[in-house]
Amino acid sequence: MEGVVAVVTSLESLAWPQRAALALGVVLTLWGVVDFVRGDVPPGVLHVVTGVVIGAAATRTRVARLAGTLLGVVYLVVFAFGVGEPGGVMDAGTVGNVVHLLIGFASVAVAESCAWCEQHSNRTTPSP
């Protein structure tokens, strides 16, 4: 059947980059909830929204690759502005800035790993 897209719904059938994207989504969502509890609403919204996006994108490698690329850009830009303007609106403190940097690199790693999995799958799947 052409035009049908299969969506993975079980954790065991996810490729490892998809599981990493799901774990990253859970961490970001929990971080956002902690932000809300502390009264930091703007970062809480950023963390929850990006966590839900990358977590939901984990169902397909192509979508996880796109989400990882976008989130990598977002978090690396947030890191750059946070470090570049100490005390500014994007400054999350030393620990927060380092975590933003790590999340940015992790998101890019998810995107790159998903691309690798897609290429590997295309090489090992015989063409009709």
N, C-alpha and C. Protein backbone atom coordinates (compact mmCIF):
# COMPACT_ATOMS: atom_id res chain seq x y z
N MET A 1 0.83 -1.17 0.00
CA MET A 1 0.00 0.00 0.00
C MET A 1 0.88 1.23 0.00
N GLU A 2 0.80 1.99 -1.03
CA GLU A 2 1.58 3.23 -1.11
C GLU A 2 0.85 4.34 -0.38
N GLY A 3 1.61 5.24 0.20
CA GLY A 3 1.02 6.39 0.88
C GLY A 3 0.66 6.12 2.33
N VAL A 4 0.83 4.89 2.80
CA VAL A 4 0.52 4.57 4.19
C VAL A 4 1.78 4.75 5.01
N VAL A 5 1.64 5.45 6.12
CA VAL A 5 2.77 5.71 7.00
C VAL A 5 2.60 4.88 8.25
N ALA A 6 3.59 4.07 8.57
CA ALA A 6 3.53 3.27 9.79
C ALA A 6 4.09 4.08 10.94
N VAL A 7 3.35 4.10 12.03
CA VAL A 7 3.79 4.80 13.23
C VAL A 7 4.07 3.76 14.29
N VAL A 8 5.24 3.82 14.87
CA VAL A 8 5.65 2.87 15.90
C VAL A 8 4.98 3.23 17.21
N THR A 9 4.36 2.24 17.84
CA THR A 9 3.65 2.52 19.09
C THR A 9 4.20 1.74 20.28
N SER A 10 5.13 0.83 20.07
CA SER A 10 5.70 0.11 21.21
C SER A 10 7.15 0.53 21.43
N LEU A 11 7.54 0.61 22.67
CA LEU A 11 8.88 1.08 23.02
C LEU A 11 9.96 0.14 22.49
N GLU A 12 9.68 -1.16 22.45
CA GLU A 12 10.68 -2.13 22.00
C GLU A 12 10.99 -1.98 20.52
N SER A 13 10.03 -1.50 19.73
CA SER A 13 10.26 -1.41 18.29
C SER A 13 10.88 -0.07 17.87
N LEU A 14 11.14 0.81 18.83
CA LEU A 14 11.80 2.08 18.52
C LEU A 14 13.30 1.86 18.35
N ALA A 15 13.89 2.54 17.40
CA ALA A 15 15.34 2.53 17.25
C ALA A 15 15.96 3.31 18.42
N TRP A 16 17.22 3.08 18.71
CA TRP A 16 17.83 3.72 19.88
C TRP A 16 17.80 5.24 19.82
N PRO A 17 17.93 5.89 18.64
CA PRO A 17 17.82 7.35 18.65
C PRO A 17 16.41 7.83 18.99
N GLN A 18 15.40 7.02 18.61
CA GLN A 18 14.04 7.37 18.95
C GLN A 18 13.82 7.25 20.47
N ARG A 19 14.40 6.23 21.07
CA ARG A 19 14.31 6.10 22.54
C ARG A 19 15.04 7.24 23.23
N ALA A 20 16.15 7.66 22.65
CA ALA A 20 16.88 8.81 23.21
C ALA A 20 16.04 10.07 23.10
N ALA A 21 15.34 10.26 21.98
CA ALA A 21 14.46 11.41 21.81
C ALA A 21 13.33 11.37 22.82
N LEU A 22 12.78 10.20 23.05
CA LEU A 22 11.71 10.05 24.03
C LEU A 22 12.22 10.37 25.44
N ALA A 23 13.40 9.88 25.78
CA ALA A 23 13.98 10.18 27.10
C ALA A 23 14.26 11.67 27.24
N LEU A 24 14.76 12.29 26.20
CA LEU A 24 15.01 13.73 26.23
C LEU A 24 13.70 14.49 26.42
N GLY A 25 12.65 14.02 25.77
CA GLY A 25 11.34 14.64 25.93
C GLY A 25 10.83 14.54 27.36
N VAL A 26 11.03 13.40 27.98
CA VAL A 26 10.61 13.22 29.37
C VAL A 26 11.39 14.14 30.29
N VAL A 27 12.70 14.21 30.11
CA VAL A 27 13.54 15.08 30.94
C VAL A 27 13.13 16.54 30.79
N LEU A 28 12.92 16.99 29.56
CA LEU A 28 12.53 18.38 29.34
C LEU A 28 11.16 18.69 29.94
N THR A 29 10.23 17.77 29.79
CA THR A 29 8.89 17.98 30.35
C THR A 29 8.95 18.06 31.87
N LEU A 30 9.70 17.16 32.49
CA LEU A 30 9.84 17.21 33.95
C LEU A 30 10.52 18.49 34.40
N TRP A 31 11.53 18.93 33.65
CA TRP A 31 12.22 20.18 33.96
C TRP A 31 11.23 21.35 33.89
N GLY A 32 10.35 21.32 32.89
CA GLY A 32 9.34 22.36 32.76
C GLY A 32 8.37 22.37 33.91
N VAL A 33 7.97 21.20 34.37
CA VAL A 33 7.07 21.11 35.53
C VAL A 33 7.75 21.68 36.77
N VAL A 34 9.02 21.38 36.95
CA VAL A 34 9.77 21.95 38.07
C VAL A 34 9.84 23.46 37.95
N ASP A 35 10.03 23.96 36.74
CA ASP A 35 10.03 25.42 36.53
C ASP A 35 8.70 26.04 36.94
N PHE A 36 7.59 25.39 36.58
CA PHE A 36 6.28 25.90 36.95
C PHE A 36 6.09 25.92 38.47
N VAL A 37 6.55 24.86 39.13
CA VAL A 37 6.44 24.79 40.60
C VAL A 37 7.25 25.91 41.24
N ARG A 38 8.41 26.22 40.67
CA ARG A 38 9.25 27.29 41.21
C ARG A 38 8.74 28.67 40.84
N GLY A 39 7.76 28.77 39.95
CA GLY A 39 7.21 30.05 39.55
C GLY A 39 7.88 30.66 38.33
N ASP A 40 8.74 29.91 37.67
CA ASP A 40 9.41 30.38 36.45
C ASP A 40 8.58 29.95 35.24
N VAL A 41 7.57 30.73 34.90
CA VAL A 41 6.63 30.34 33.86
C VAL A 41 7.25 30.34 32.46
N PRO A 42 7.95 31.41 32.01
CA PRO A 42 8.47 31.37 30.62
C PRO A 42 9.41 30.20 30.33
N PRO A 43 10.40 29.91 31.20
CA PRO A 43 11.22 28.74 30.89
C PRO A 43 10.43 27.44 31.03
N GLY A 44 9.45 27.43 31.92
CA GLY A 44 8.61 26.25 32.06
C GLY A 44 7.86 25.94 30.78
N VAL A 45 7.33 26.98 30.16
CA VAL A 45 6.62 26.79 28.88
C VAL A 45 7.58 26.26 27.82
N LEU A 46 8.77 26.87 27.72
CA LEU A 46 9.77 26.42 26.74
C LEU A 46 10.11 24.95 26.95
N HIS A 47 10.37 24.58 28.19
CA HIS A 47 10.81 23.22 28.46
C HIS A 47 9.69 22.21 28.24
N VAL A 48 8.47 22.53 28.66
CA VAL A 48 7.35 21.60 28.47
C VAL A 48 7.02 21.45 26.98
N VAL A 49 6.93 22.56 26.29
CA VAL A 49 6.58 22.50 24.86
C VAL A 49 7.65 21.73 24.07
N THR A 50 8.91 22.04 24.29
CA THR A 50 9.96 21.33 23.55
C THR A 50 10.05 19.87 23.97
N GLY A 51 9.78 19.59 25.24
CA GLY A 51 9.77 18.20 25.69
C GLY A 51 8.67 17.39 25.05
N VAL A 52 7.47 17.97 24.96
CA VAL A 52 6.35 17.28 24.32
C VAL A 52 6.63 17.11 22.82
N VAL A 53 7.20 18.11 22.19
CA VAL A 53 7.48 18.03 20.75
C VAL A 53 8.47 16.90 20.46
N ILE A 54 9.60 16.87 21.16
CA ILE A 54 10.60 15.83 20.87
C ILE A 54 10.10 14.46 21.31
N GLY A 55 9.33 14.41 22.38
CA GLY A 55 8.76 13.13 22.82
C GLY A 55 7.76 12.58 21.81
N ALA A 56 6.89 13.43 21.31
CA ALA A 56 5.90 13.00 20.32
C ALA A 56 6.56 12.66 19.00
N ALA A 57 7.64 13.33 18.67
CA ALA A 57 8.34 13.09 17.41
C ALA A 57 9.08 11.76 17.40
N ALA A 58 9.25 11.15 18.55
CA ALA A 58 10.02 9.91 18.65
C ALA A 58 9.35 8.73 17.95
N THR A 59 8.11 8.89 17.52
CA THR A 59 7.42 7.76 16.89
C THR A 59 7.97 7.41 15.51
N ARG A 60 8.60 8.37 14.83
CA ARG A 60 9.18 8.13 13.51
C ARG A 60 10.56 8.76 13.44
N THR A 61 11.50 8.07 12.83
CA THR A 61 12.87 8.59 12.78
C THR A 61 12.95 9.88 11.98
N ARG A 62 12.19 9.99 10.90
CA ARG A 62 12.25 11.21 10.08
C ARG A 62 11.74 12.41 10.86
N VAL A 63 10.67 12.23 11.62
CA VAL A 63 10.12 13.32 12.42
C VAL A 63 11.05 13.64 13.59
N ALA A 64 11.62 12.60 14.21
CA ALA A 64 12.56 12.82 15.31
C ALA A 64 13.80 13.55 14.82
N ARG A 65 14.22 13.25 13.60
CA ARG A 65 15.37 13.95 13.02
C ARG A 65 15.08 15.44 12.86
N LEU A 66 13.92 15.76 12.33
CA LEU A 66 13.52 17.16 12.16
C LEU A 66 13.39 17.86 13.51
N ALA A 67 12.71 17.22 14.45
CA ALA A 67 12.52 17.82 15.78
C ALA A 67 13.86 18.01 16.48
N GLY A 68 14.75 17.02 16.36
CA GLY A 68 16.07 17.14 16.97
C GLY A 68 16.88 18.29 16.39
N THR A 69 16.76 18.48 15.09
CA THR A 69 17.46 19.59 14.44
C THR A 69 16.93 20.93 14.94
N LEU A 70 15.60 21.06 14.97
CA LEU A 70 15.00 22.32 15.42
C LEU A 70 15.30 22.60 16.90
N LEU A 71 15.17 21.57 17.73
CA LEU A 71 15.44 21.77 19.16
C LEU A 71 16.90 22.06 19.41
N GLY A 72 17.79 21.44 18.63
CA GLY A 72 19.20 21.73 18.76
C GLY A 72 19.48 23.20 18.51
N VAL A 73 18.88 23.74 17.46
CA VAL A 73 19.05 25.16 17.15
C VAL A 73 18.48 26.02 18.28
N VAL A 74 17.28 25.69 18.73
CA VAL A 74 16.63 26.48 19.80
C VAL A 74 17.50 26.51 21.05
N TYR A 75 17.93 25.35 21.52
CA TYR A 75 18.67 25.31 22.78
C TYR A 75 20.08 25.87 22.65
N LEU A 76 20.70 25.73 21.50
CA LEU A 76 22.03 26.34 21.33
C LEU A 76 21.93 27.86 21.24
N VAL A 77 20.86 28.37 20.64
CA VAL A 77 20.64 29.82 20.61
C VAL A 77 20.33 30.33 22.01
N VAL A 78 19.49 29.60 22.75
CA VAL A 78 19.19 30.00 24.14
C VAL A 78 20.47 30.02 24.96
N PHE A 79 21.32 29.01 24.77
CA PHE A 79 22.60 28.98 25.47
C PHE A 79 23.46 30.19 25.10
N ALA A 80 23.56 30.47 23.82
CA ALA A 80 24.40 31.58 23.36
C ALA A 80 23.92 32.91 23.93
N PHE A 81 22.61 33.16 23.90
CA PHE A 81 22.09 34.41 24.46
C PHE A 81 22.21 34.43 25.97
N GLY A 82 22.05 33.28 26.62
CA GLY A 82 22.18 33.22 28.07
C GLY A 82 23.59 33.53 28.54
N VAL A 83 24.57 33.03 27.83
CA VAL A 83 25.96 33.29 28.18
C VAL A 83 26.38 34.68 27.74
N GLY A 84 25.84 35.12 26.61
CA GLY A 84 26.23 36.42 26.05
C GLY A 84 25.67 37.61 26.81
N GLU A 85 24.55 37.42 27.50
CA GLU A 85 23.94 38.51 28.26
C GLU A 85 23.72 38.06 29.71
N PRO A 86 24.76 38.06 30.52
CA PRO A 86 24.60 37.64 31.92
C PRO A 86 23.54 38.51 32.61
N GLY A 87 22.61 37.85 33.29
CA GLY A 87 21.54 38.55 33.97
C GLY A 87 20.39 38.89 33.05
N GLY A 88 20.51 38.56 31.77
CA GLY A 88 19.46 38.84 30.80
C GLY A 88 18.33 37.83 30.89
N VAL A 89 17.34 38.01 30.05
CA VAL A 89 16.15 37.18 30.09
C VAL A 89 16.45 35.71 29.75
N MET A 90 17.46 35.44 28.94
CA MET A 90 17.79 34.07 28.54
C MET A 90 18.84 33.43 29.46
N ASP A 91 19.39 34.19 30.38
CA ASP A 91 20.41 33.66 31.28
C ASP A 91 19.75 32.75 32.31
N ALA A 92 20.13 31.49 32.31
CA ALA A 92 19.58 30.51 33.24
C ALA A 92 20.56 30.19 34.37
N GLY A 93 21.57 31.01 34.53
CA GLY A 93 22.60 30.72 35.52
C GLY A 93 23.61 29.75 34.94
N THR A 94 24.65 29.52 35.65
CA THR A 94 25.73 28.66 35.15
C THR A 94 25.23 27.24 34.86
N VAL A 95 24.54 26.66 35.83
CA VAL A 95 24.07 25.28 35.65
C VAL A 95 23.04 25.21 34.53
N GLY A 96 22.08 26.12 34.52
CA GLY A 96 21.05 26.13 33.48
C GLY A 96 21.63 26.32 32.10
N ASN A 97 22.60 27.22 31.98
CA ASN A 97 23.24 27.45 30.68
C ASN A 97 23.98 26.21 30.20
N VAL A 98 24.67 25.54 31.10
CA VAL A 98 25.38 24.31 30.73
C VAL A 98 24.38 23.24 30.31
N VAL A 99 23.27 23.13 31.03
CA VAL A 99 22.24 22.14 30.67
C VAL A 99 21.64 22.48 29.31
N HIS A 100 21.41 23.77 29.03
CA HIS A 100 20.91 24.15 27.70
C HIS A 100 21.90 23.75 26.62
N LEU A 101 23.18 23.93 26.87
CA LEU A 101 24.20 23.52 25.91
C LEU A 101 24.15 22.01 25.68
N LEU A 102 24.08 21.25 26.77
CA LEU A 102 24.03 19.79 26.66
C LEU A 102 22.78 19.33 25.93
N ILE A 103 21.64 19.95 26.20
CA ILE A 103 20.40 19.58 25.52
C ILE A 103 20.51 19.93 24.03
N GLY A 104 21.13 21.06 23.71
CA GLY A 104 21.34 21.41 22.31
C GLY A 104 22.16 20.37 21.59
N PHE A 105 23.27 19.96 22.20
CA PHE A 105 24.12 18.93 21.58
C PHE A 105 23.41 17.59 21.53
N ALA A 106 22.65 17.23 22.58
CA ALA A 106 21.91 15.97 22.59
C ALA A 106 20.85 15.96 21.48
N SER A 107 20.20 17.08 21.26
CA SER A 107 19.19 17.17 20.20
C SER A 107 19.82 17.00 18.83
N VAL A 108 20.96 17.62 18.62
CA VAL A 108 21.67 17.46 17.35
C VAL A 108 22.13 16.00 17.19
N ALA A 109 22.57 15.38 18.28
CA ALA A 109 22.97 13.97 18.23
C ALA A 109 21.79 13.07 17.88
N VAL A 110 20.61 13.37 18.41
CA VAL A 110 19.41 12.61 18.07
C VAL A 110 19.12 12.75 16.58
N ALA A 111 19.19 13.98 16.07
CA ALA A 111 18.93 14.21 14.65
C ALA A 111 19.94 13.46 13.77
N GLU A 112 21.20 13.55 14.11
CA GLU A 112 22.24 12.87 13.33
C GLU A 112 22.07 11.35 13.41
N SER A 113 21.75 10.84 14.58
CA SER A 113 21.57 9.39 14.74
C SER A 113 20.36 8.88 13.97
N CYS A 114 19.29 9.67 13.96
CA CYS A 114 18.11 9.28 13.18
C CYS A 114 18.44 9.25 11.69
N ALA A 115 19.22 10.21 11.23
CA ALA A 115 19.64 10.22 9.82
C ALA A 115 20.48 8.99 9.51
N TRP A 116 21.36 8.62 10.43
CA TRP A 116 22.19 7.43 10.24
C TRP A 116 21.31 6.19 10.17
N CYS A 117 20.33 6.09 11.06
CA CYS A 117 19.43 4.93 11.06
C CYS A 117 18.64 4.84 9.76
N GLU A 118 18.19 5.98 9.26
CA GLU A 118 17.45 5.99 8.00
C GLU A 118 18.35 5.53 6.84
N GLN A 119 19.59 6.01 6.82
CA GLN A 119 20.51 5.60 5.76
C GLN A 119 20.83 4.12 5.86
N HIS A 120 21.04 3.64 7.07
CA HIS A 120 21.34 2.23 7.29
C HIS A 120 20.15 1.37 6.85
N SER A 121 18.96 1.80 7.19
CA SER A 121 17.76 1.06 6.81
C SER A 121 17.59 1.05 5.30
N ASN A 122 17.88 2.15 4.65
CA ASN A 122 17.76 2.20 3.18
C ASN A 122 18.78 1.31 2.49
N ARG A 123 19.97 1.15 3.08
CA ARG A 123 21.00 0.29 2.49
C ARG A 123 20.69 -1.17 2.68
N THR A 124 20.07 -1.53 3.80
CA THR A 124 19.82 -2.95 4.09
C THR A 124 18.48 -3.43 3.56
N THR A 125 17.57 -2.54 3.21
CA THR A 125 16.27 -2.93 2.67
C THR A 125 16.38 -3.08 1.16
N PRO A 126 16.06 -4.26 0.66
CA PRO A 126 16.13 -4.43 -0.80
C PRO A 126 15.06 -3.59 -1.50
N SER A 127 15.42 -2.98 -2.61
CA SER A 127 14.46 -2.17 -3.36
C SER A 127 13.59 -3.10 -4.21
N PRO A 128 12.30 -2.74 -4.37
CA PRO A 128 11.39 -3.62 -5.12
C PRO A 128 11.64 -3.64 -6.59
